[in-house]
Amino acid sequence: MNSFFDDLFGKIFKNPAKSPVKVKENYEFKEADLQEIESWMDGEEATKLFDQVYRSYHLKRTGINESPQVHLFQSPYANGFAVTYEPPFTPETFSKLFLAFSRRILALGYKQVSLDRKMEEINDQVKTTEKFYLKPPLQSPSENQRISQLFGNVSIEKISIDNKPSYLKLLVTVYSDRLYEDAQPFDQMIDRLFDTNHG
């Protein structure tokens, strides 16, 4: 009986203290996970997925939607893409691709700045964002020399809604500061990210 009145009062007098849940934490992958992903990246399953996403990316640029679906982000200071969770992905291969993207970016000479997980309640759903943030290695410029920014700063996100994978997003933002050299072309980074004949 008591809970009936509690519910009723709760509906009439909304509790301002009960705001949506929002949690953010740093975490890291275990060494075993990193070793496993390196060998997975050399295997047939990874090669197939990389090729499919790369193909979808290029078809999307010509206006054709292919599965898995890719969305493009293009502006003078930020470029990137998102890939939707749908066949041929499984939750496991989707997570592996997220980690594999970070390994590929590190292989381009980047340093990992952070890896965090944010959980927030939005319209009675829990959105989980796992995010790698990577930057070009810091260097002090020699006199009359500008700093290399490689391709710019890179963020890689894996979004899940109520623990179900939703999409992966990779975004590259460039420095427009005079201290930095111009960023290398985004297309070049994409080619190297998806190169299945590397190393």
C-alpha atoms as a PDB file:
ATOM      1  CA  MET A   1       0.000   0.000   0.000  1.00  0.00           C
ATOM      2  CA  ASN A   2       2.818   2.320   0.980  1.00  0.00           C
ATOM      3  CA  SER A   3       4.531   2.085  -2.431  1.00  0.00           C
ATOM      4  CA  PHE A   4       1.272   3.109  -4.154  1.00  0.00           C
ATOM      5  CA  PHE A   5       1.307   6.449  -2.293  1.00  0.00           C
ATOM      6  CA  ASP A   6       5.057   6.826  -2.826  1.00  0.00           C
ATOM      7  CA  ASP A   7       4.522   6.394  -6.572  1.00  0.00           C
ATOM      8  CA  LEU A   8       1.575   8.790  -6.543  1.00  0.00           C
ATOM      9  CA  PHE A   9       3.514  11.485  -4.644  1.00  0.00           C
ATOM     10  CA  GLY A  10       6.502  10.833  -6.892  1.00  0.00           C
ATOM     11  CA  LYS A  11       4.375  11.582  -9.942  1.00  0.00           C
ATOM     12  CA  ILE A  12       2.754  14.690  -8.425  1.00  0.00           C
ATOM     13  CA  PHE A  13       5.895  16.139  -6.849  1.00  0.00           C
ATOM     14  CA  LYS A  14       8.686  15.247  -9.220  1.00  0.00           C
ATOM     15  CA  ASN A  15      11.893  14.667  -7.289  1.00  0.00           C
ATOM     16  CA  PRO A  16      14.414  17.233  -8.600  1.00  0.00           C
ATOM     17  CA  ALA A  17      17.258  15.226  -7.037  1.00  0.00           C
ATOM     18  CA  LYS A  18      16.488  12.284  -9.322  1.00  0.00           C
ATOM     19  CA  SER A  19      18.341  13.560 -12.364  1.00  0.00           C
ATOM     20  CA  PRO A  20      19.404  11.272 -15.216  1.00  0.00           C
ATOM     21  CA  VAL A  21      22.360   9.010 -14.440  1.00  0.00           C
ATOM     22  CA  LYS A  22      25.725  10.131 -15.863  1.00  0.00           C
ATOM     23  CA  VAL A  23      28.956   8.264 -15.126  1.00  0.00           C
ATOM     24  CA  LYS A  24      32.399   8.627 -16.697  1.00  0.00           C
ATOM     25  CA  GLU A  25      35.424   6.421 -15.995  1.00  0.00           C
ATOM     26  CA  ASN A  26      38.846   5.769 -17.456  1.00  0.00           C
ATOM     27  CA  TYR A  27      39.765   2.181 -18.235  1.00  0.00           C
ATOM     28  CA  GLU A  28      42.303   0.183 -20.190  1.00  0.00           C
ATOM     29  CA  PHE A  29      42.523  -3.032 -22.151  1.00  0.00           C
ATOM     30  CA  LYS A  30      44.520  -5.927 -20.722  1.00  0.00           C
ATOM     31  CA  GLU A  31      47.785  -6.924 -22.380  1.00  0.00           C
ATOM     32  CA  ALA A  32      46.162 -10.237 -23.407  1.00  0.00           C
ATOM     33  CA  ASP A  33      43.372  -8.334 -25.223  1.00  0.00           C
ATOM     34  CA  LEU A  34      45.951  -6.274 -27.115  1.00  0.00           C
ATOM     35  CA  GLN A  35      47.891  -9.391 -28.154  1.00  0.00           C
ATOM     36  CA  GLU A  36      44.653 -11.080 -29.220  1.00  0.00           C
ATOM     37  CA  ILE A  37      43.621  -8.080 -31.342  1.00  0.00           C
ATOM     38  CA  GLU A  38      47.009  -7.951 -33.071  1.00  0.00           C
ATOM     39  CA  SER A  39      46.688 -11.558 -34.205  1.00  0.00           C
ATOM     40  CA  TRP A  40      42.982 -11.057 -35.087  1.00  0.00           C
ATOM     41  CA  MET A  41      43.953  -8.104 -37.317  1.00  0.00           C
ATOM     42  CA  ASP A  42      46.198 -10.406 -39.341  1.00  0.00           C
ATOM     43  CA  GLY A  43      43.409 -12.940 -39.852  1.00  0.00           C
ATOM     44  CA  GLU A  44      40.798 -13.450 -42.554  1.00  0.00           C
ATOM     45  CA  GLU A  45      37.809 -12.223 -40.506  1.00  0.00           C
ATOM     46  CA  ALA A  46      39.432  -8.826 -39.826  1.00  0.00           C
ATOM     47  CA  THR A  47      40.599  -8.463 -43.445  1.00  0.00           C
ATOM     48  CA  LYS A  48      37.047  -9.104 -44.665  1.00  0.00           C
ATOM     49  CA  LEU A  49      35.511  -6.564 -42.248  1.00  0.00           C
ATOM     50  CA  PHE A  50      38.106  -3.885 -42.996  1.00  0.00           C
ATOM     51  CA  ASP A  51      37.503  -4.402 -46.732  1.00  0.00           C
ATOM     52  CA  GLN A  52      33.712  -4.208 -46.351  1.00  0.00           C
ATOM     53  CA  VAL A  53      33.793  -0.977 -44.302  1.00  0.00           C
ATOM     54  CA  TYR A  54      36.363   0.548 -46.698  1.00  0.00           C
ATOM     55  CA  ARG A  55      34.153  -0.346 -49.674  1.00  0.00           C
ATOM     56  CA  SER A  56      31.038   1.108 -47.946  1.00  0.00           C
ATOM     57  CA  TYR A  57      33.011   4.270 -47.145  1.00  0.00           C
ATOM     58  CA  HIS A  58      34.003   4.818 -50.785  1.00  0.00           C
ATOM     59  CA  LEU A  59      30.539   3.969 -52.121  1.00  0.00           C
ATOM     60  CA  LYS A  60      28.984   6.430 -49.651  1.00  0.00           C
ATOM     61  CA  ARG A  61      31.253   9.153 -51.049  1.00  0.00           C
ATOM     62  CA  THR A  62      29.622   8.587 -54.442  1.00  0.00           C
ATOM     63  CA  GLY A  63      26.133   8.611 -52.872  1.00  0.00           C
ATOM     64  CA  ILE A  64      25.567   4.843 -52.707  1.00  0.00           C
ATOM     65  CA  ASN A  65      24.480   3.169 -49.449  1.00  0.00           C
ATOM     66  CA  GLU A  66      26.008  -0.248 -48.872  1.00  0.00           C
ATOM     67  CA  SER A  67      25.902  -2.585 -45.873  1.00  0.00           C
ATOM     68  CA  PRO A  68      27.409  -1.961 -43.348  1.00  0.00           C
ATOM     69  CA  GLN A  69      26.117   1.584 -43.661  1.00  0.00           C
ATOM     70  CA  VAL A  70      28.654   4.407 -43.376  1.00  0.00           C
ATOM     71  CA  HIS A  71      27.952   8.089 -42.609  1.00  0.00           C
ATOM     72  CA  LEU A  72      30.448  10.810 -43.519  1.00  0.00           C
ATOM     73  CA  PHE A  73      31.553  13.914 -41.600  1.00  0.00           C
ATOM     74  CA  GLN A  74      33.265  16.554 -43.722  1.00  0.00           C
ATOM     75  CA  SER A  75      34.248  20.106 -42.813  1.00  0.00           C
ATOM     76  CA  PRO A  76      37.387  22.263 -43.147  1.00  0.00           C
ATOM     77  CA  TYR A  77      38.517  21.380 -39.587  1.00  0.00           C
ATOM     78  CA  ALA A  78      37.045  17.943 -38.966  1.00  0.00           C
ATOM     79  CA  ASN A  79      36.614  14.823 -41.080  1.00  0.00           C
ATOM     80  CA  GLY A  80      35.473  11.366 -40.212  1.00  0.00           C
ATOM     81  CA  PHE A  81      32.935   8.622 -40.616  1.00  0.00           C
ATOM     82  CA  ALA A  82      30.579   6.466 -38.604  1.00  0.00           C
ATOM     83  CA  VAL A  83      29.736   2.851 -39.337  1.00  0.00           C
ATOM     84  CA  THR A  84      26.404   1.402 -38.234  1.00  0.00           C
ATOM     85  CA  TYR A  85      26.145  -1.859 -36.299  1.00  0.00           C
ATOM     86  CA  GLU A  86      24.422  -4.281 -38.685  1.00  0.00           C
ATOM     87  CA  PRO A  87      25.343  -7.472 -40.537  1.00  0.00           C
ATOM     88  CA  PRO A  88      28.055  -8.675 -41.080  1.00  0.00           C
ATOM     89  CA  PHE A  89      29.015  -7.468 -37.555  1.00  0.00           C
ATOM     90  CA  THR A  90      28.537  -9.365 -34.329  1.00  0.00           C
ATOM     91  CA  PRO A  91      28.901  -7.621 -30.938  1.00  0.00           C
ATOM     92  CA  GLU A  92      32.318  -9.295 -30.641  1.00  0.00           C
ATOM     93  CA  THR A  93      33.657  -8.248 -34.071  1.00  0.00           C
ATOM     94  CA  PHE A  94      32.274  -4.728 -33.562  1.00  0.00           C
ATOM     95  CA  SER A  95      34.263  -4.387 -30.322  1.00  0.00           C
ATOM     96  CA  LYS A  96      37.321  -5.845 -32.023  1.00  0.00           C
ATOM     97  CA  LEU A  97      37.044  -3.325 -34.857  1.00  0.00           C
ATOM     98  CA  PHE A  98      36.905  -0.487 -32.292  1.00  0.00           C
ATOM     99  CA  LEU A  99      40.139  -1.684 -30.709  1.00  0.00           C
ATOM    100  CA  ALA A 100      41.716  -2.491 -34.104  1.00  0.00           C
ATOM    101  CA  PHE A 101      41.087   1.086 -35.316  1.00  0.00           C
ATOM    102  CA  SER A 102      43.025   2.388 -32.294  1.00  0.00           C
ATOM    103  CA  ARG A 103      45.938   0.008 -32.987  1.00  0.00           C
ATOM    104  CA  ARG A 104      46.075   1.153 -36.612  1.00  0.00           C
ATOM    105  CA  ILE A 105      46.147   4.839 -35.568  1.00  0.00           C
ATOM    106  CA  LEU A 106      48.919   4.137 -33.043  1.00  0.00           C
ATOM    107  CA  ALA A 107      50.862   2.464 -35.869  1.00  0.00           C
ATOM    108  CA  LEU A 108      50.723   5.785 -37.768  1.00  0.00           C
ATOM    109  CA  GLY A 109      52.864   7.386 -35.040  1.00  0.00           C
ATOM    110  CA  TYR A 110      50.149   8.554 -32.641  1.00  0.00           C
ATOM    111  CA  LYS A 111      50.127   8.527 -28.832  1.00  0.00           C
ATOM    112  CA  GLN A 112      47.041   7.451 -26.874  1.00  0.00           C
ATOM    113  CA  VAL A 113      45.963  10.278 -24.549  1.00  0.00           C
ATOM    114  CA  SER A 114      42.945   8.602 -22.973  1.00  0.00           C
ATOM    115  CA  LEU A 115      40.435   5.772 -23.102  1.00  0.00           C
ATOM    116  CA  ASP A 116      37.213   6.308 -21.212  1.00  0.00           C
ATOM    117  CA  ARG A 117      33.683   5.054 -20.904  1.00  0.00           C
ATOM    118  CA  LYS A 118      30.717   7.351 -20.357  1.00  0.00           C
ATOM    119  CA  MET A 119      27.253   6.112 -19.406  1.00  0.00           C
ATOM    120  CA  GLU A 120      24.291   8.458 -19.540  1.00  0.00           C
ATOM    121  CA  GLU A 121      20.559   8.032 -19.265  1.00  0.00           C
ATOM    122  CA  ILE A 122      18.698   9.575 -22.216  1.00  0.00           C
ATOM    123  CA  ASN A 123      14.913   9.136 -22.543  1.00  0.00           C
ATOM    124  CA  ASP A 124      14.851   5.986 -20.380  1.00  0.00           C
ATOM    125  CA  GLN A 125      17.714   4.438 -22.346  1.00  0.00           C
ATOM    126  CA  VAL A 126      21.323   4.082 -21.289  1.00  0.00           C
ATOM    127  CA  LYS A 127      23.814   5.328 -23.847  1.00  0.00           C
ATOM    128  CA  THR A 128      27.359   4.040 -23.362  1.00  0.00           C
ATOM    129  CA  THR A 129      30.200   5.761 -25.198  1.00  0.00           C
ATOM    130  CA  GLU A 130      33.646   4.177 -25.170  1.00  0.00           C
ATOM    131  CA  LYS A 131      36.217   6.600 -26.536  1.00  0.00           C
ATOM    132  CA  PHE A 132      39.881   6.554 -27.519  1.00  0.00           C
ATOM    133  CA  TYR A 133      41.537   9.946 -27.851  1.00  0.00           C
ATOM    134  CA  LEU A 134      44.853  10.000 -29.730  1.00  0.00           C
ATOM    135  CA  LYS A 135      47.219  12.851 -30.555  1.00  0.00           C
ATOM    136  CA  PRO A 136      50.351  13.264 -32.634  1.00  0.00           C
ATOM    137  CA  PRO A 137      53.481  12.954 -30.453  1.00  0.00           C
ATOM    138  CA  LEU A 138      54.357  16.249 -28.768  1.00  0.00           C
ATOM    139  CA  GLN A 139      57.571  17.812 -29.932  1.00  0.00           C
ATOM    140  CA  SER A 140      59.112  21.215 -29.368  1.00  0.00           C
ATOM    141  CA  PRO A 141      59.592  22.973 -32.667  1.00  0.00           C
ATOM    142  CA  SER A 142      63.092  23.897 -33.771  1.00  0.00           C
ATOM    143  CA  GLU A 143      63.595  27.511 -34.700  1.00  0.00           C
ATOM    144  CA  ASN A 144      61.652  28.489 -37.843  1.00  0.00           C
ATOM    145  CA  GLN A 145      60.167  25.013 -37.977  1.00  0.00           C
ATOM    146  CA  ARG A 146      56.520  24.132 -37.510  1.00  0.00           C
ATOM    147  CA  ILE A 147      55.216  21.142 -35.529  1.00  0.00           C
ATOM    148  CA  SER A 148      53.934  18.097 -37.410  1.00  0.00           C
ATOM    149  CA  GLN A 149      50.312  17.336 -36.543  1.00  0.00           C
ATOM    150  CA  LEU A 150      50.275  14.207 -38.735  1.00  0.00           C
ATOM    151  CA  PHE A 151      46.582  14.009 -39.734  1.00  0.00           C
ATOM    152  CA  GLY A 152      45.273  15.946 -36.679  1.00  0.00           C
ATOM    153  CA  ASN A 153      43.781  14.719 -33.375  1.00  0.00           C
ATOM    154  CA  VAL A 154      41.838  11.460 -33.610  1.00  0.00           C
ATOM    155  CA  SER A 155      38.885  10.266 -31.544  1.00  0.00           C
ATOM    156  CA  ILE A 156      37.379   6.809 -31.972  1.00  0.00           C
ATOM    157  CA  GLU A 157      34.041   6.074 -30.299  1.00  0.00           C
ATOM    158  CA  LYS A 158      31.928   2.967 -29.859  1.00  0.00           C
ATOM    159  CA  ILE A 159      28.318   3.797 -28.981  1.00  0.00           C
ATOM    160  CA  SER A 160      25.928   1.299 -27.399  1.00  0.00           C
ATOM    161  CA  ILE A 161      22.291   1.837 -26.421  1.00  0.00           C
ATOM    162  CA  ASP A 162      21.028  -0.358 -23.554  1.00  0.00           C
ATOM    163  CA  ASN A 163      24.113  -2.581 -23.980  1.00  0.00           C
ATOM    164  CA  LYS A 164      23.386  -3.156 -27.684  1.00  0.00           C
ATOM    165  CA  PRO A 165      26.039  -1.917 -30.160  1.00  0.00           C
ATOM    166  CA  SER A 166      24.844   1.048 -32.225  1.00  0.00           C
ATOM    167  CA  TYR A 167      27.721   2.586 -34.205  1.00  0.00           C
ATOM    168  CA  LEU A 168      31.462   3.296 -34.358  1.00  0.00           C
ATOM    169  CA  LYS A 169      32.680   6.803 -35.098  1.00  0.00           C
ATOM    170  CA  LEU A 170      36.145   8.028 -36.074  1.00  0.00           C
ATOM    171  CA  LEU A 171      36.726  11.790 -36.179  1.00  0.00           C
ATOM    172  CA  VAL A 172      39.898  13.702 -37.052  1.00  0.00           C
ATOM    173  CA  THR A 173      40.160  17.372 -36.051  1.00  0.00           C
ATOM    174  CA  VAL A 174      43.003  19.514 -37.337  1.00  0.00           C
ATOM    175  CA  TYR A 175      44.950  22.353 -35.739  1.00  0.00           C
ATOM    176  CA  SER A 176      44.671  25.597 -37.685  1.00  0.00           C
ATOM    177  CA  ASP A 177      47.387  27.212 -35.543  1.00  0.00           C
ATOM    178  CA  ARG A 178      50.414  28.732 -37.299  1.00  0.00           C
ATOM    179  CA  LEU A 179      52.687  26.696 -35.007  1.00  0.00           C
ATOM    180  CA  TYR A 180      51.651  23.550 -36.862  1.00  0.00           C
ATOM    181  CA  GLU A 181      52.332  22.228 -40.328  1.00  0.00           C
ATOM    182  CA  ASP A 182      49.242  21.570 -42.424  1.00  0.00           C
ATOM    183  CA  ALA A 183      47.610  18.247 -41.617  1.00  0.00           C
ATOM    184  CA  GLN A 184      48.262  15.376 -43.998  1.00  0.00           C
ATOM    185  CA  PRO A 185      45.250  14.526 -46.217  1.00  0.00           C
ATOM    186  CA  PHE A 186      42.405  12.667 -44.473  1.00  0.00           C
ATOM    187  CA  ASP A 187      42.033  10.340 -47.489  1.00  0.00           C
ATOM    188  CA  GLN A 188      45.610   9.210 -46.977  1.00  0.00           C
ATOM    189  CA  MET A 189      44.825   8.324 -43.365  1.00  0.00           C
ATOM    190  CA  ILE A 190      41.735   6.362 -44.449  1.00  0.00           C
ATOM    191  CA  ASP A 191      43.813   4.384 -46.966  1.00  0.00           C
ATOM    192  CA  ARG A 192      46.344   3.510 -44.281  1.00  0.00           C
ATOM    193  CA  LEU A 193      43.680   2.744 -41.667  1.00  0.00           C
ATOM    194  CA  PHE A 194      42.049   0.183 -43.951  1.00  0.00           C
ATOM    195  CA  ASP A 195      45.201  -1.191 -45.566  1.00  0.00           C
ATOM    196  CA  THR A 196      44.926  -4.949 -45.062  1.00  0.00           C
ATOM    197  CA  ASN A 197      48.344  -5.576 -46.646  1.00  0.00           C
ATOM    198  CA  HIS A 198      50.216  -3.475 -44.083  1.00  0.00           C
ATOM    199  CA  GLY A 199      53.238  -4.665 -42.159  1.00  0.00           C
END
